N, C-alpha and C. Protein backbone atom coordinates (compact mmCIF):
# COMPACT_ATOMS: atom_id res chain seq x y z
N UNK A 1 -36.90 225.09 -224.58
CA UNK A 1 -37.62 225.70 -223.47
C UNK A 1 -37.97 227.15 -223.80
N UNK A 2 -36.98 227.92 -224.25
CA UNK A 2 -37.24 229.33 -224.55
C UNK A 2 -38.23 229.48 -225.70
N UNK A 3 -38.20 228.53 -226.66
CA UNK A 3 -39.15 228.63 -227.77
C UNK A 3 -40.57 228.45 -227.28
N UNK A 4 -40.76 227.55 -226.33
CA UNK A 4 -42.11 227.32 -225.79
C UNK A 4 -42.59 228.55 -225.02
N UNK A 5 -41.72 229.13 -224.23
CA UNK A 5 -42.08 230.35 -223.48
C UNK A 5 -42.40 231.48 -224.45
N UNK A 6 -41.57 231.62 -225.48
CA UNK A 6 -41.78 232.66 -226.49
C UNK A 6 -43.13 232.46 -227.18
N UNK A 7 -43.47 231.23 -227.50
CA UNK A 7 -44.75 230.93 -228.16
C UNK A 7 -45.93 231.28 -227.26
N UNK A 8 -45.82 230.96 -225.98
CA UNK A 8 -46.92 231.29 -225.05
C UNK A 8 -47.06 232.80 -224.89
N UNK A 9 -45.93 233.51 -224.80
CA UNK A 9 -45.99 234.97 -224.69
C UNK A 9 -46.59 235.58 -225.96
N UNK A 10 -46.21 235.04 -227.12
CA UNK A 10 -46.80 235.50 -228.38
C UNK A 10 -48.31 235.32 -228.36
N UNK A 11 -48.77 234.15 -227.92
CA UNK A 11 -50.20 233.85 -227.90
C UNK A 11 -50.96 234.80 -226.98
N UNK A 12 -50.41 235.08 -225.82
CA UNK A 12 -51.08 235.97 -224.86
C UNK A 12 -51.18 237.39 -225.41
N UNK A 13 -50.09 237.91 -225.94
CA UNK A 13 -50.09 239.28 -226.46
C UNK A 13 -51.00 239.38 -227.68
N UNK A 14 -50.97 238.38 -228.56
CA UNK A 14 -51.85 238.39 -229.74
C UNK A 14 -53.32 238.32 -229.32
N UNK A 15 -53.63 237.50 -228.34
CA UNK A 15 -55.02 237.42 -227.84
C UNK A 15 -55.45 238.77 -227.27
N UNK A 16 -54.58 239.44 -226.54
CA UNK A 16 -54.90 240.77 -226.00
C UNK A 16 -55.18 241.76 -227.13
N UNK A 17 -54.36 241.72 -228.18
CA UNK A 17 -54.55 242.65 -229.31
C UNK A 17 -55.85 242.36 -230.05
N UNK A 18 -56.18 241.09 -230.23
CA UNK A 18 -57.44 240.72 -230.89
C UNK A 18 -58.62 241.14 -230.03
N UNK A 19 -58.52 240.96 -228.73
CA UNK A 19 -59.60 241.35 -227.82
C UNK A 19 -59.91 242.84 -227.91
N UNK A 20 -58.88 243.66 -228.12
CA UNK A 20 -59.05 245.11 -228.18
C UNK A 20 -59.63 245.60 -229.51
N UNK A 21 -59.73 244.72 -230.52
CA UNK A 21 -60.27 245.14 -231.81
C UNK A 21 -61.73 245.56 -231.68
N UNK A 22 -62.09 246.65 -232.35
CA UNK A 22 -63.48 247.12 -232.31
C UNK A 22 -64.35 246.35 -233.29
N UNK A 23 -63.77 245.90 -234.41
CA UNK A 23 -64.51 245.13 -235.41
C UNK A 23 -63.53 244.20 -236.12
N UNK A 24 -64.05 243.43 -237.05
CA UNK A 24 -63.18 242.52 -237.79
C UNK A 24 -62.82 243.10 -239.16
N UNK A 25 -62.84 244.42 -239.27
CA UNK A 25 -62.48 245.06 -240.54
C UNK A 25 -60.98 244.91 -240.80
N UNK A 26 -60.63 245.08 -242.06
CA UNK A 26 -59.23 244.96 -242.47
C UNK A 26 -58.35 245.95 -241.69
N UNK A 27 -58.82 247.17 -241.53
CA UNK A 27 -58.03 248.19 -240.82
C UNK A 27 -57.83 247.84 -239.35
N UNK A 28 -58.88 247.29 -238.70
CA UNK A 28 -58.74 246.90 -237.29
C UNK A 28 -57.79 245.72 -237.13
N UNK A 29 -57.86 244.77 -238.06
CA UNK A 29 -56.94 243.62 -238.01
C UNK A 29 -55.50 244.11 -238.21
N UNK A 30 -55.33 244.98 -239.18
CA UNK A 30 -54.00 245.55 -239.45
C UNK A 30 -53.48 246.30 -238.22
N UNK A 31 -54.36 247.08 -237.59
CA UNK A 31 -53.96 247.81 -236.39
C UNK A 31 -53.59 246.89 -235.24
N UNK A 32 -54.36 245.80 -235.08
CA UNK A 32 -54.07 244.83 -234.01
C UNK A 32 -52.71 244.17 -234.24
N UNK A 33 -52.42 243.82 -235.49
CA UNK A 33 -51.13 243.19 -235.78
C UNK A 33 -49.96 244.17 -235.60
N UNK A 34 -50.17 245.43 -235.92
CA UNK A 34 -49.13 246.44 -235.68
C UNK A 34 -48.88 246.59 -234.18
N UNK A 35 -49.96 246.61 -233.41
CA UNK A 35 -49.84 246.72 -231.95
C UNK A 35 -49.11 245.50 -231.39
N UNK A 36 -49.44 244.31 -231.92
CA UNK A 36 -48.78 243.06 -231.51
C UNK A 36 -47.28 243.15 -231.77
N UNK A 37 -46.91 243.60 -232.97
CA UNK A 37 -45.49 243.71 -233.30
C UNK A 37 -44.79 244.71 -232.38
N UNK A 38 -45.47 245.83 -232.11
CA UNK A 38 -44.90 246.86 -231.24
C UNK A 38 -44.63 246.31 -229.84
N UNK A 39 -45.54 245.47 -229.34
CA UNK A 39 -45.39 244.93 -227.99
C UNK A 39 -44.41 243.77 -227.92
N UNK A 40 -44.33 242.95 -228.98
CA UNK A 40 -43.57 241.71 -228.90
C UNK A 40 -42.20 241.71 -229.55
N UNK A 41 -42.01 242.48 -230.61
CA UNK A 41 -40.81 242.32 -231.43
C UNK A 41 -39.52 242.43 -230.63
N UNK A 42 -39.37 243.48 -229.86
CA UNK A 42 -38.11 243.67 -229.12
C UNK A 42 -37.85 242.53 -228.14
N UNK A 43 -38.89 242.09 -227.44
CA UNK A 43 -38.72 240.99 -226.47
C UNK A 43 -38.39 239.68 -227.19
N UNK A 44 -39.11 239.39 -228.27
CA UNK A 44 -38.88 238.14 -229.00
C UNK A 44 -37.48 238.13 -229.61
N UNK A 45 -37.07 239.24 -230.19
CA UNK A 45 -35.74 239.33 -230.80
C UNK A 45 -34.66 239.08 -229.75
N UNK A 46 -34.80 239.70 -228.59
CA UNK A 46 -33.82 239.53 -227.52
C UNK A 46 -33.77 238.07 -227.05
N UNK A 47 -34.93 237.43 -226.96
CA UNK A 47 -34.97 236.04 -226.52
C UNK A 47 -34.32 235.11 -227.54
N UNK A 48 -34.56 235.35 -228.82
CA UNK A 48 -33.96 234.52 -229.87
C UNK A 48 -32.44 234.70 -229.87
N UNK A 49 -31.98 235.93 -229.76
CA UNK A 49 -30.54 236.19 -229.73
C UNK A 49 -29.88 235.54 -228.51
N UNK A 50 -30.53 235.63 -227.37
CA UNK A 50 -29.99 234.99 -226.15
C UNK A 50 -29.93 233.48 -226.31
N UNK A 51 -30.97 232.92 -226.91
CA UNK A 51 -31.02 231.48 -227.12
C UNK A 51 -29.91 231.03 -228.08
N UNK A 52 -29.70 231.80 -229.15
CA UNK A 52 -28.63 231.47 -230.10
C UNK A 52 -27.26 231.53 -229.43
N UNK A 53 -27.03 232.56 -228.64
CA UNK A 53 -25.75 232.70 -227.94
C UNK A 53 -25.54 231.54 -226.96
N UNK A 54 -26.57 231.23 -226.20
CA UNK A 54 -26.47 230.12 -225.24
C UNK A 54 -26.22 228.80 -225.97
N UNK A 55 -26.87 228.61 -227.11
CA UNK A 55 -26.66 227.39 -227.89
C UNK A 55 -25.23 227.27 -228.38
N UNK A 56 -24.65 228.37 -228.84
CA UNK A 56 -23.26 228.34 -229.31
C UNK A 56 -22.31 228.04 -228.15
N UNK A 57 -22.58 228.65 -227.00
CA UNK A 57 -21.70 228.43 -225.85
C UNK A 57 -21.81 227.00 -225.35
N UNK A 58 -23.03 226.50 -225.22
CA UNK A 58 -23.22 225.17 -224.64
C UNK A 58 -22.93 224.04 -225.62
N UNK A 59 -23.20 224.24 -226.92
CA UNK A 59 -23.09 223.14 -227.88
C UNK A 59 -22.19 223.45 -229.06
N UNK A 60 -21.44 224.55 -229.00
CA UNK A 60 -20.60 224.96 -230.12
C UNK A 60 -19.56 223.92 -230.49
N UNK A 61 -19.23 223.85 -231.79
CA UNK A 61 -18.33 222.81 -232.28
C UNK A 61 -16.95 223.33 -232.70
N UNK A 62 -16.87 224.59 -233.11
CA UNK A 62 -15.54 225.05 -233.56
C UNK A 62 -14.68 225.42 -232.34
N UNK A 63 -13.40 225.70 -232.57
CA UNK A 63 -12.47 225.92 -231.47
C UNK A 63 -12.85 227.14 -230.63
N UNK A 64 -13.32 228.21 -231.29
CA UNK A 64 -13.68 229.41 -230.54
C UNK A 64 -14.87 229.15 -229.63
N UNK A 65 -15.88 228.45 -230.15
CA UNK A 65 -17.07 228.16 -229.34
C UNK A 65 -16.73 227.23 -228.18
N UNK A 66 -15.81 226.28 -228.40
CA UNK A 66 -15.38 225.41 -227.31
C UNK A 66 -14.63 226.20 -226.24
N UNK A 67 -13.76 227.13 -226.69
CA UNK A 67 -13.04 227.98 -225.75
C UNK A 67 -14.02 228.84 -224.94
N UNK A 68 -14.99 229.43 -225.63
CA UNK A 68 -15.99 230.27 -224.96
C UNK A 68 -16.76 229.46 -223.92
N UNK A 69 -17.11 228.23 -224.26
CA UNK A 69 -17.84 227.38 -223.31
C UNK A 69 -17.01 227.19 -222.04
N UNK A 70 -15.75 226.84 -222.19
CA UNK A 70 -14.91 226.62 -221.01
C UNK A 70 -14.71 227.91 -220.22
N UNK A 71 -14.50 229.02 -220.92
CA UNK A 71 -14.27 230.30 -220.25
C UNK A 71 -15.52 230.78 -219.53
N UNK A 72 -16.63 230.72 -220.23
CA UNK A 72 -17.88 231.23 -219.65
C UNK A 72 -18.32 230.37 -218.47
N UNK A 73 -18.31 229.07 -218.64
CA UNK A 73 -18.78 228.20 -217.57
C UNK A 73 -17.84 228.19 -216.37
N UNK A 74 -16.55 228.42 -216.61
CA UNK A 74 -15.59 228.39 -215.50
C UNK A 74 -15.46 229.75 -214.80
N UNK A 75 -15.51 230.84 -215.55
CA UNK A 75 -15.16 232.14 -214.97
C UNK A 75 -16.32 233.10 -214.79
N UNK A 76 -17.42 232.85 -215.41
CA UNK A 76 -18.54 233.79 -215.30
C UNK A 76 -19.16 233.71 -213.91
N UNK A 77 -19.27 234.83 -213.23
CA UNK A 77 -19.84 234.79 -211.88
C UNK A 77 -21.33 234.41 -211.91
N UNK A 78 -21.77 233.77 -210.85
CA UNK A 78 -23.17 233.35 -210.73
C UNK A 78 -24.11 234.56 -210.71
N UNK A 79 -23.61 235.69 -210.23
CA UNK A 79 -24.45 236.89 -210.17
C UNK A 79 -24.85 237.35 -211.58
N UNK A 80 -23.95 237.16 -212.56
CA UNK A 80 -24.27 237.52 -213.95
C UNK A 80 -25.38 236.63 -214.48
N UNK A 81 -25.27 235.35 -214.21
CA UNK A 81 -26.30 234.40 -214.64
C UNK A 81 -27.64 234.73 -213.98
N UNK A 82 -27.58 235.05 -212.70
CA UNK A 82 -28.80 235.39 -211.96
C UNK A 82 -29.45 236.66 -212.51
N UNK A 83 -28.64 237.67 -212.84
CA UNK A 83 -29.20 238.92 -213.37
C UNK A 83 -29.85 238.69 -214.73
N UNK A 84 -29.27 237.81 -215.55
CA UNK A 84 -29.88 237.50 -216.85
C UNK A 84 -31.20 236.77 -216.67
N UNK A 85 -31.26 235.85 -215.73
CA UNK A 85 -32.52 235.14 -215.47
C UNK A 85 -33.57 236.08 -214.91
N UNK A 86 -33.15 237.01 -214.07
CA UNK A 86 -34.07 238.00 -213.51
C UNK A 86 -34.65 238.88 -214.61
N UNK A 87 -33.79 239.30 -215.52
CA UNK A 87 -34.23 240.14 -216.64
C UNK A 87 -35.23 239.38 -217.51
N UNK A 88 -34.95 238.13 -217.80
CA UNK A 88 -35.85 237.33 -218.63
C UNK A 88 -37.17 237.06 -217.90
N UNK A 89 -37.10 236.87 -216.60
CA UNK A 89 -38.31 236.56 -215.82
C UNK A 89 -39.19 237.75 -215.53
N UNK A 90 -38.69 238.94 -215.77
CA UNK A 90 -39.49 240.13 -215.46
C UNK A 90 -40.54 240.42 -216.53
N UNK A 91 -40.39 239.84 -217.70
CA UNK A 91 -41.37 240.04 -218.78
C UNK A 91 -42.37 238.90 -218.72
N UNK A 92 -43.54 239.19 -218.18
CA UNK A 92 -44.58 238.16 -218.01
C UNK A 92 -45.93 238.71 -218.47
N UNK A 93 -46.19 238.71 -219.78
CA UNK A 93 -47.49 239.22 -220.22
C UNK A 93 -48.62 238.31 -219.74
N UNK A 94 -49.74 238.94 -219.39
CA UNK A 94 -50.92 238.20 -218.95
C UNK A 94 -52.10 238.58 -219.83
N UNK A 95 -53.08 237.71 -219.89
CA UNK A 95 -54.30 238.03 -220.62
C UNK A 95 -54.93 239.25 -219.96
N UNK A 96 -55.15 240.29 -220.75
CA UNK A 96 -55.63 241.55 -220.17
C UNK A 96 -57.14 241.61 -220.05
N UNK A 97 -57.83 240.57 -220.51
CA UNK A 97 -59.30 240.58 -220.48
C UNK A 97 -59.86 239.76 -219.33
N UNK A 98 -59.00 239.38 -218.40
CA UNK A 98 -59.42 238.71 -217.16
C UNK A 98 -58.65 239.38 -216.02
N UNK A 99 -59.08 239.20 -214.78
CA UNK A 99 -58.32 239.81 -213.67
C UNK A 99 -56.87 239.34 -213.66
N UNK A 100 -55.96 240.25 -213.37
CA UNK A 100 -54.53 239.94 -213.37
C UNK A 100 -54.16 239.08 -212.18
N UNK A 101 -53.24 238.16 -212.42
CA UNK A 101 -52.72 237.33 -211.33
C UNK A 101 -51.83 238.20 -210.44
N UNK A 102 -51.87 237.97 -209.13
CA UNK A 102 -51.02 238.78 -208.25
C UNK A 102 -49.54 238.44 -208.43
N UNK A 103 -48.69 239.40 -208.17
CA UNK A 103 -47.24 239.19 -208.23
C UNK A 103 -46.84 238.51 -206.93
N UNK A 104 -46.28 237.32 -207.04
CA UNK A 104 -45.93 236.55 -205.83
C UNK A 104 -44.44 236.31 -205.68
N UNK A 105 -43.67 236.69 -206.67
CA UNK A 105 -42.24 236.42 -206.61
C UNK A 105 -41.44 237.61 -206.13
N UNK A 106 -40.14 237.46 -206.21
CA UNK A 106 -39.24 238.53 -205.77
C UNK A 106 -38.75 239.37 -206.94
N UNK A 107 -39.00 238.90 -208.16
CA UNK A 107 -38.56 239.62 -209.35
C UNK A 107 -39.62 240.66 -209.73
N UNK A 108 -39.22 241.92 -209.88
CA UNK A 108 -40.21 242.93 -210.30
C UNK A 108 -40.71 242.63 -211.71
N UNK A 109 -41.99 242.83 -211.95
CA UNK A 109 -42.61 242.52 -213.23
C UNK A 109 -42.71 243.79 -214.06
N UNK A 110 -42.35 243.67 -215.34
CA UNK A 110 -42.49 244.81 -216.25
C UNK A 110 -43.97 245.11 -216.47
N UNK A 111 -44.34 246.37 -216.53
CA UNK A 111 -45.76 246.70 -216.77
C UNK A 111 -46.16 246.31 -218.19
N UNK A 112 -47.43 246.01 -218.37
CA UNK A 112 -47.92 245.69 -219.70
C UNK A 112 -49.05 246.64 -220.06
N UNK A 113 -49.36 246.68 -221.33
CA UNK A 113 -50.40 247.57 -221.83
C UNK A 113 -51.75 247.13 -221.25
N UNK A 114 -52.46 248.03 -220.57
CA UNK A 114 -53.76 247.65 -219.99
C UNK A 114 -54.84 247.58 -221.07
N UNK A 115 -55.87 246.79 -220.82
CA UNK A 115 -56.98 246.65 -221.76
C UNK A 115 -58.02 247.74 -221.50
N UNK A 116 -58.22 248.61 -222.48
CA UNK A 116 -59.24 249.65 -222.35
C UNK A 116 -60.63 249.01 -222.30
N UNK A 117 -60.83 248.02 -223.14
CA UNK A 117 -62.14 247.35 -223.22
C UNK A 117 -62.48 246.67 -221.90
N UNK A 118 -61.51 246.00 -221.29
CA UNK A 118 -61.75 245.32 -220.01
C UNK A 118 -62.06 246.34 -218.92
N UNK A 119 -61.30 247.43 -218.89
CA UNK A 119 -61.52 248.47 -217.87
C UNK A 119 -62.91 249.08 -218.00
N UNK A 120 -63.35 249.33 -219.26
CA UNK A 120 -64.69 249.88 -219.48
C UNK A 120 -65.76 248.90 -219.00
N UNK A 121 -65.58 247.62 -219.30
CA UNK A 121 -66.53 246.59 -218.85
C UNK A 121 -66.56 246.48 -217.34
N UNK A 122 -65.41 246.59 -216.72
CA UNK A 122 -65.32 246.52 -215.26
C UNK A 122 -66.04 247.71 -214.62
N UNK A 123 -65.87 248.90 -215.19
CA UNK A 123 -66.57 250.08 -214.68
C UNK A 123 -68.08 249.93 -214.83
N UNK A 124 -68.53 249.41 -215.99
CA UNK A 124 -69.97 249.19 -216.20
C UNK A 124 -70.51 248.21 -215.18
N UNK A 125 -69.77 247.14 -214.95
CA UNK A 125 -70.20 246.11 -213.99
C UNK A 125 -70.30 246.70 -212.58
N UNK A 126 -69.31 247.49 -212.19
CA UNK A 126 -69.33 248.12 -210.86
C UNK A 126 -70.50 249.08 -210.73
N UNK A 127 -70.80 249.82 -211.80
CA UNK A 127 -71.93 250.74 -211.78
C UNK A 127 -73.25 249.96 -211.64
N UNK A 128 -73.37 248.86 -212.37
CA UNK A 128 -74.57 248.03 -212.28
C UNK A 128 -74.74 247.47 -210.87
N UNK A 129 -73.62 247.06 -210.26
CA UNK A 129 -73.68 246.53 -208.90
C UNK A 129 -74.14 247.61 -207.92
N UNK A 130 -73.66 248.84 -208.09
CA UNK A 130 -74.09 249.95 -207.23
C UNK A 130 -75.57 250.22 -207.41
N UNK A 131 -76.04 250.19 -208.66
CA UNK A 131 -77.46 250.43 -208.92
C UNK A 131 -78.32 249.33 -208.30
N UNK A 132 -77.88 248.08 -208.42
CA UNK A 132 -78.61 246.96 -207.80
C UNK A 132 -78.66 247.13 -206.29
N UNK A 133 -77.54 247.55 -205.72
CA UNK A 133 -77.46 247.76 -204.27
C UNK A 133 -78.44 248.85 -203.85
N UNK A 134 -78.53 249.92 -204.66
CA UNK A 134 -79.47 251.00 -204.38
C UNK A 134 -80.91 250.53 -204.43
N UNK A 135 -81.25 249.68 -205.40
CA UNK A 135 -82.61 249.13 -205.53
C UNK A 135 -82.93 248.26 -204.32
N UNK A 136 -81.97 247.44 -203.90
CA UNK A 136 -82.18 246.58 -202.73
C UNK A 136 -82.42 247.41 -201.47
N UNK A 137 -81.64 248.48 -201.31
CA UNK A 137 -81.81 249.35 -200.14
C UNK A 137 -83.18 250.01 -200.15
N UNK A 138 -83.65 250.42 -201.32
CA UNK A 138 -84.98 251.03 -201.43
C UNK A 138 -86.06 250.04 -201.02
N UNK A 139 -85.93 248.78 -201.46
CA UNK A 139 -86.91 247.75 -201.12
C UNK A 139 -86.92 247.50 -199.61
N UNK A 140 -85.75 247.46 -199.01
CA UNK A 140 -85.65 247.24 -197.57
C UNK A 140 -86.31 248.40 -196.83
N UNK A 141 -86.06 249.63 -197.29
CA UNK A 141 -86.68 250.80 -196.66
C UNK A 141 -88.20 250.77 -196.80
N UNK A 142 -88.69 250.37 -197.98
CA UNK A 142 -90.13 250.29 -198.20
C UNK A 142 -90.76 249.23 -197.30
N UNK A 143 -90.07 248.08 -197.17
CA UNK A 143 -90.59 247.02 -196.30
C UNK A 143 -90.61 247.49 -194.85
N UNK A 144 -89.58 248.21 -194.45
CA UNK A 144 -89.52 248.71 -193.07
C UNK A 144 -90.65 249.71 -192.83
N UNK A 145 -90.95 250.55 -193.81
CA UNK A 145 -92.03 251.53 -193.67
C UNK A 145 -93.39 250.84 -193.59
N UNK A 146 -93.61 249.82 -194.41
CA UNK A 146 -94.91 249.13 -194.39
C UNK A 146 -95.08 248.34 -193.10
N UNK A 147 -94.00 247.80 -192.56
CA UNK A 147 -94.10 247.05 -191.31
C UNK A 147 -94.31 247.99 -190.13
N UNK A 148 -93.84 249.22 -190.26
CA UNK A 148 -93.99 250.19 -189.17
C UNK A 148 -95.45 250.61 -189.01
N UNK A 149 -96.26 250.56 -190.07
CA UNK A 149 -97.66 250.96 -190.00
C UNK A 149 -98.44 249.83 -189.49
């Protein structure tokens, strides 16, 4: 399960980094991959380590791992489990080149790197819409003036 989530998060962050590339030059590709590593490495490493620990506790074969399984499952408070799930659930990268999905849960979401390219496109679109609105208003005013005569 965690591997599938990790793969989807990798895909989203990599797509965001590729979207931000200015060209397909070697330097831009290298920069995108560095940015990808900067955004993903710490989260991916933590997820892999958590998965390995959980695997040893749940499926461990030696005496220590069996002891840990019994101790952890019997004595670990539910609040600890809940806090770990909350921490894991707070990292939810989204595609930055489309409108963001609203936060609907109770877990606070970690902020993600915004897309400069998407923001610039959104500003251009809003400006174009304002200009179109201005042209429409001018036409309405002209029609009103011609009808008044």
